Amino acid sequence: MSTILATRAAYVAYALLVGVGLYVLVAEDNLVKRVIGLNLFQTGVFLFFVASAFRAGGRVPLLSAPGPYVNPLPHVLILTAIVVGVSVTAVALALVVRLHDEYGTFSERAIREVRR
């Protein structure tokens, strides 16, 4: 019973992270906050993949151990996605710093007004 509750808690955390991240991406005008919202969204998706790979009573996929086995593929994909996510965050923050140096603000509205 406790494993079912732990799995459901992971799905609730996934929904909260994705919801808050999406809200910040859409509602915020500050570019730094948008990058943080993107990171929250990514973390929620990562949690979803790891939680969906959970299997009650699952074991490490070694041939000497009896089944059922846990599929390691989602975990490997998430490790790769974490590296890509860190790279995207670094590039996004570098662009935000460049925009701040050019326009003197983090506000998207102010940057659009200056460009017009």
C-alpha atoms as a PDB file:
ATOM      1  CA  MET A   1       0.000   0.000   0.000  1.00  0.00           C
ATOM      2  CA  SER A   2       2.842   2.420   0.776  1.00  0.00           C
ATOM      3  CA  THR A   3       4.352   1.924  -2.699  1.00  0.00           C
ATOM      4  CA  ILE A   4       1.042   2.920  -4.287  1.00  0.00           C
ATOM      5  CA  LEU A   5       0.947   6.094  -2.193  1.00  0.00           C
ATOM      6  CA  ALA A   6       4.562   6.868  -3.064  1.00  0.00           C
ATOM      7  CA  THR A   7       3.797   6.454  -6.761  1.00  0.00           C
ATOM      8  CA  ARG A   8       0.739   8.669  -6.540  1.00  0.00           C
ATOM      9  CA  ALA A   9       2.746  11.290  -4.662  1.00  0.00           C
ATOM     10  CA  ALA A  10       5.252  11.292  -7.499  1.00  0.00           C
ATOM     11  CA  TYR A  11       2.444  11.896 -10.008  1.00  0.00           C
ATOM     12  CA  VAL A  12       1.040  14.725  -7.871  1.00  0.00           C
ATOM     13  CA  ALA A  13       4.510  16.292  -7.681  1.00  0.00           C
ATOM     14  CA  TYR A  14       4.853  15.854 -11.457  1.00  0.00           C
ATOM     15  CA  ALA A  15       1.541  17.630 -12.075  1.00  0.00           C
ATOM     16  CA  LEU A  16       2.461  20.480  -9.727  1.00  0.00           C
ATOM     17  CA  LEU A  17       5.892  20.985 -11.270  1.00  0.00           C
ATOM     18  CA  VAL A  18       4.563  20.937 -14.824  1.00  0.00           C
ATOM     19  CA  GLY A  19       1.639  23.203 -13.912  1.00  0.00           C
ATOM     20  CA  VAL A  20       3.743  25.786 -12.080  1.00  0.00           C
ATOM     21  CA  GLY A  21       6.438  25.692 -14.759  1.00  0.00           C
ATOM     22  CA  LEU A  22       3.911  26.189 -17.549  1.00  0.00           C
ATOM     23  CA  TYR A  23       2.227  29.015 -15.646  1.00  0.00           C
ATOM     24  CA  VAL A  24       5.540  30.804 -15.125  1.00  0.00           C
ATOM     25  CA  LEU A  25       6.441  30.363 -18.803  1.00  0.00           C
ATOM     26  CA  VAL A  26       3.158  31.911 -19.932  1.00  0.00           C
ATOM     27  CA  ALA A  27       2.443  34.525 -17.269  1.00  0.00           C
ATOM     28  CA  GLU A  28       5.828  36.028 -16.367  1.00  0.00           C
ATOM     29  CA  ASP A  29       7.392  38.975 -18.154  1.00  0.00           C
ATOM     30  CA  ASN A  30      10.832  38.548 -16.564  1.00  0.00           C
ATOM     31  CA  LEU A  31      13.135  36.455 -18.778  1.00  0.00           C
ATOM     32  CA  VAL A  32      15.091  34.968 -15.858  1.00  0.00           C
ATOM     33  CA  LYS A  33      11.849  33.776 -14.272  1.00  0.00           C
ATOM     34  CA  ARG A  34      10.874  32.214 -17.597  1.00  0.00           C
ATOM     35  CA  VAL A  35      14.115  30.230 -17.646  1.00  0.00           C
ATOM     36  CA  ILE A  36      13.334  29.045 -14.113  1.00  0.00           C
ATOM     37  CA  GLY A  37       9.816  28.094 -15.264  1.00  0.00           C
ATOM     38  CA  LEU A  38      11.333  26.095 -18.125  1.00  0.00           C
ATOM     39  CA  ASN A  39      13.520  24.249 -15.602  1.00  0.00           C
ATOM     40  CA  LEU A  40      10.497  23.466 -13.412  1.00  0.00           C
ATOM     41  CA  PHE A  41       8.619  22.159 -16.446  1.00  0.00           C
ATOM     42  CA  GLN A  42      11.584  19.979 -17.462  1.00  0.00           C
ATOM     43  CA  THR A  43      11.953  18.615 -13.935  1.00  0.00           C
ATOM     44  CA  GLY A  44       8.267  17.678 -13.886  1.00  0.00           C
ATOM     45  CA  VAL A  45       8.626  15.783 -17.160  1.00  0.00           C
ATOM     46  CA  PHE A  46      11.713  14.006 -15.825  1.00  0.00           C
ATOM     47  CA  LEU A  47       9.805  12.992 -12.704  1.00  0.00           C
ATOM     48  CA  PHE A  48       6.939  11.701 -14.845  1.00  0.00           C
ATOM     49  CA  PHE A  49       9.240   9.428 -16.855  1.00  0.00           C
ATOM     50  CA  VAL A  50      10.974   8.069 -13.756  1.00  0.00           C
ATOM     51  CA  ALA A  51       7.645   7.521 -11.940  1.00  0.00           C
ATOM     52  CA  SER A  52       6.154   5.791 -14.967  1.00  0.00           C
ATOM     53  CA  ALA A  53       9.104   3.374 -14.997  1.00  0.00           C
ATOM     54  CA  PHE A  54       8.268   2.256 -11.438  1.00  0.00           C
ATOM     55  CA  ARG A  55       7.198  -1.347 -11.082  1.00  0.00           C
ATOM     56  CA  ALA A  56       6.034  -2.815  -7.792  1.00  0.00           C
ATOM     57  CA  GLY A  57       8.325  -5.667  -6.823  1.00  0.00           C
ATOM     58  CA  GLY A  58      10.659  -4.905  -9.716  1.00  0.00           C
ATOM     59  CA  ARG A  59      14.324  -5.773  -9.528  1.00  0.00           C
ATOM     60  CA  VAL A  60      17.523  -4.795 -11.266  1.00  0.00           C
ATOM     61  CA  PRO A  61      17.576  -6.513 -14.675  1.00  0.00           C
ATOM     62  CA  LEU A  62      20.269  -9.096 -13.953  1.00  0.00           C
ATOM     63  CA  LEU A  63      19.930 -12.502 -15.498  1.00  0.00           C
ATOM     64  CA  SER A  64      20.718 -14.235 -12.202  1.00  0.00           C
ATOM     65  CA  ALA A  65      17.791 -12.571 -10.384  1.00  0.00           C
ATOM     66  CA  PRO A  66      14.228 -13.744 -10.953  1.00  0.00           C
ATOM     67  CA  GLY A  67      11.736 -11.268 -12.493  1.00  0.00           C
ATOM     68  CA  PRO A  68       9.819  -9.030 -12.700  1.00  0.00           C
ATOM     69  CA  TYR A  69      12.405  -6.552 -13.895  1.00  0.00           C
ATOM     70  CA  VAL A  70      12.481  -2.780 -13.942  1.00  0.00           C
ATOM     71  CA  ASN A  71      13.053  -1.243 -17.358  1.00  0.00           C
ATOM     72  CA  PRO A  72      16.286   0.828 -17.210  1.00  0.00           C
ATOM     73  CA  LEU A  73      15.635   2.690 -20.480  1.00  0.00           C
ATOM     74  CA  PRO A  74      13.601   5.594 -18.994  1.00  0.00           C
ATOM     75  CA  HIS A  75      16.311   6.235 -16.416  1.00  0.00           C
ATOM     76  CA  VAL A  76      19.016   6.341 -19.086  1.00  0.00           C
ATOM     77  CA  LEU A  77      16.921   8.685 -21.220  1.00  0.00           C
ATOM     78  CA  ILE A  78      16.377  11.000 -18.268  1.00  0.00           C
ATOM     79  CA  LEU A  79      20.114  11.145 -17.546  1.00  0.00           C
ATOM     80  CA  THR A  80      20.644  12.277 -21.132  1.00  0.00           C
ATOM     81  CA  ALA A  81      17.756  14.745 -20.876  1.00  0.00           C
ATOM     82  CA  ILE A  82      19.246  16.247 -17.701  1.00  0.00           C
ATOM     83  CA  VAL A  83      22.489  16.970 -19.546  1.00  0.00           C
ATOM     84  CA  VAL A  84      20.556  18.550 -22.421  1.00  0.00           C
ATOM     85  CA  GLY A  85      18.443  20.543 -19.944  1.00  0.00           C
ATOM     86  CA  VAL A  86      21.517  21.959 -18.213  1.00  0.00           C
ATOM     87  CA  SER A  87      22.937  22.959 -21.601  1.00  0.00           C
ATOM     88  CA  VAL A  88      19.689  24.642 -22.650  1.00  0.00           C
ATOM     89  CA  THR A  89      19.582  26.510 -19.339  1.00  0.00           C
ATOM     90  CA  ALA A  90      23.156  27.714 -19.765  1.00  0.00           C
ATOM     91  CA  VAL A  91      22.489  28.981 -23.291  1.00  0.00           C
ATOM     92  CA  ALA A  92      19.206  30.614 -22.249  1.00  0.00           C
ATOM     93  CA  LEU A  93      20.842  32.405 -19.325  1.00  0.00           C
ATOM     94  CA  ALA A  94      23.725  33.537 -21.557  1.00  0.00           C
ATOM     95  CA  LEU A  95      21.179  35.005 -23.969  1.00  0.00           C
ATOM     96  CA  VAL A  96      19.337  36.702 -21.110  1.00  0.00           C
ATOM     97  CA  VAL A  97      22.592  38.256 -19.874  1.00  0.00           C
ATOM     98  CA  ARG A  98      23.358  39.451 -23.410  1.00  0.00           C
ATOM     99  CA  LEU A  99      19.880  40.980 -23.711  1.00  0.00           C
ATOM    100  CA  HIS A 100      20.315  42.681 -20.337  1.00  0.00           C
ATOM    101  CA  ASP A 101      23.645  44.145 -21.442  1.00  0.00           C
ATOM    102  CA  GLU A 102      22.055  45.413 -24.649  1.00  0.00           C
ATOM    103  CA  TYR A 103      18.734  46.751 -23.325  1.00  0.00           C
ATOM    104  CA  GLY A 104      19.319  47.170 -19.584  1.00  0.00           C
ATOM    105  CA  THR A 105      16.263  45.177 -18.516  1.00  0.00           C
ATOM    106  CA  PHE A 106      14.980  41.645 -18.061  1.00  0.00           C
ATOM    107  CA  SER A 107      11.427  42.609 -19.058  1.00  0.00           C
ATOM    108  CA  GLU A 108      10.257  41.202 -22.373  1.00  0.00           C
ATOM    109  CA  ARG A 109       7.738  44.036 -22.837  1.00  0.00           C
ATOM    110  CA  ALA A 110      10.409  46.693 -22.374  1.00  0.00           C
ATOM    111  CA  ILE A 111      12.702  44.981 -24.874  1.00  0.00           C
ATOM    112  CA  ARG A 112       9.864  44.765 -27.426  1.00  0.00           C
ATOM    113  CA  GLU A 113       9.062  48.462 -26.944  1.00  0.00           C
ATOM    114  CA  VAL A 114      12.698  49.464 -27.485  1.00  0.00           C
ATOM    115  CA  ARG A 115      12.919  47.354 -30.649  1.00  0.00           C
ATOM    116  CA  ARG A 116       9.869  49.066 -32.207  1.00  0.00           C
END
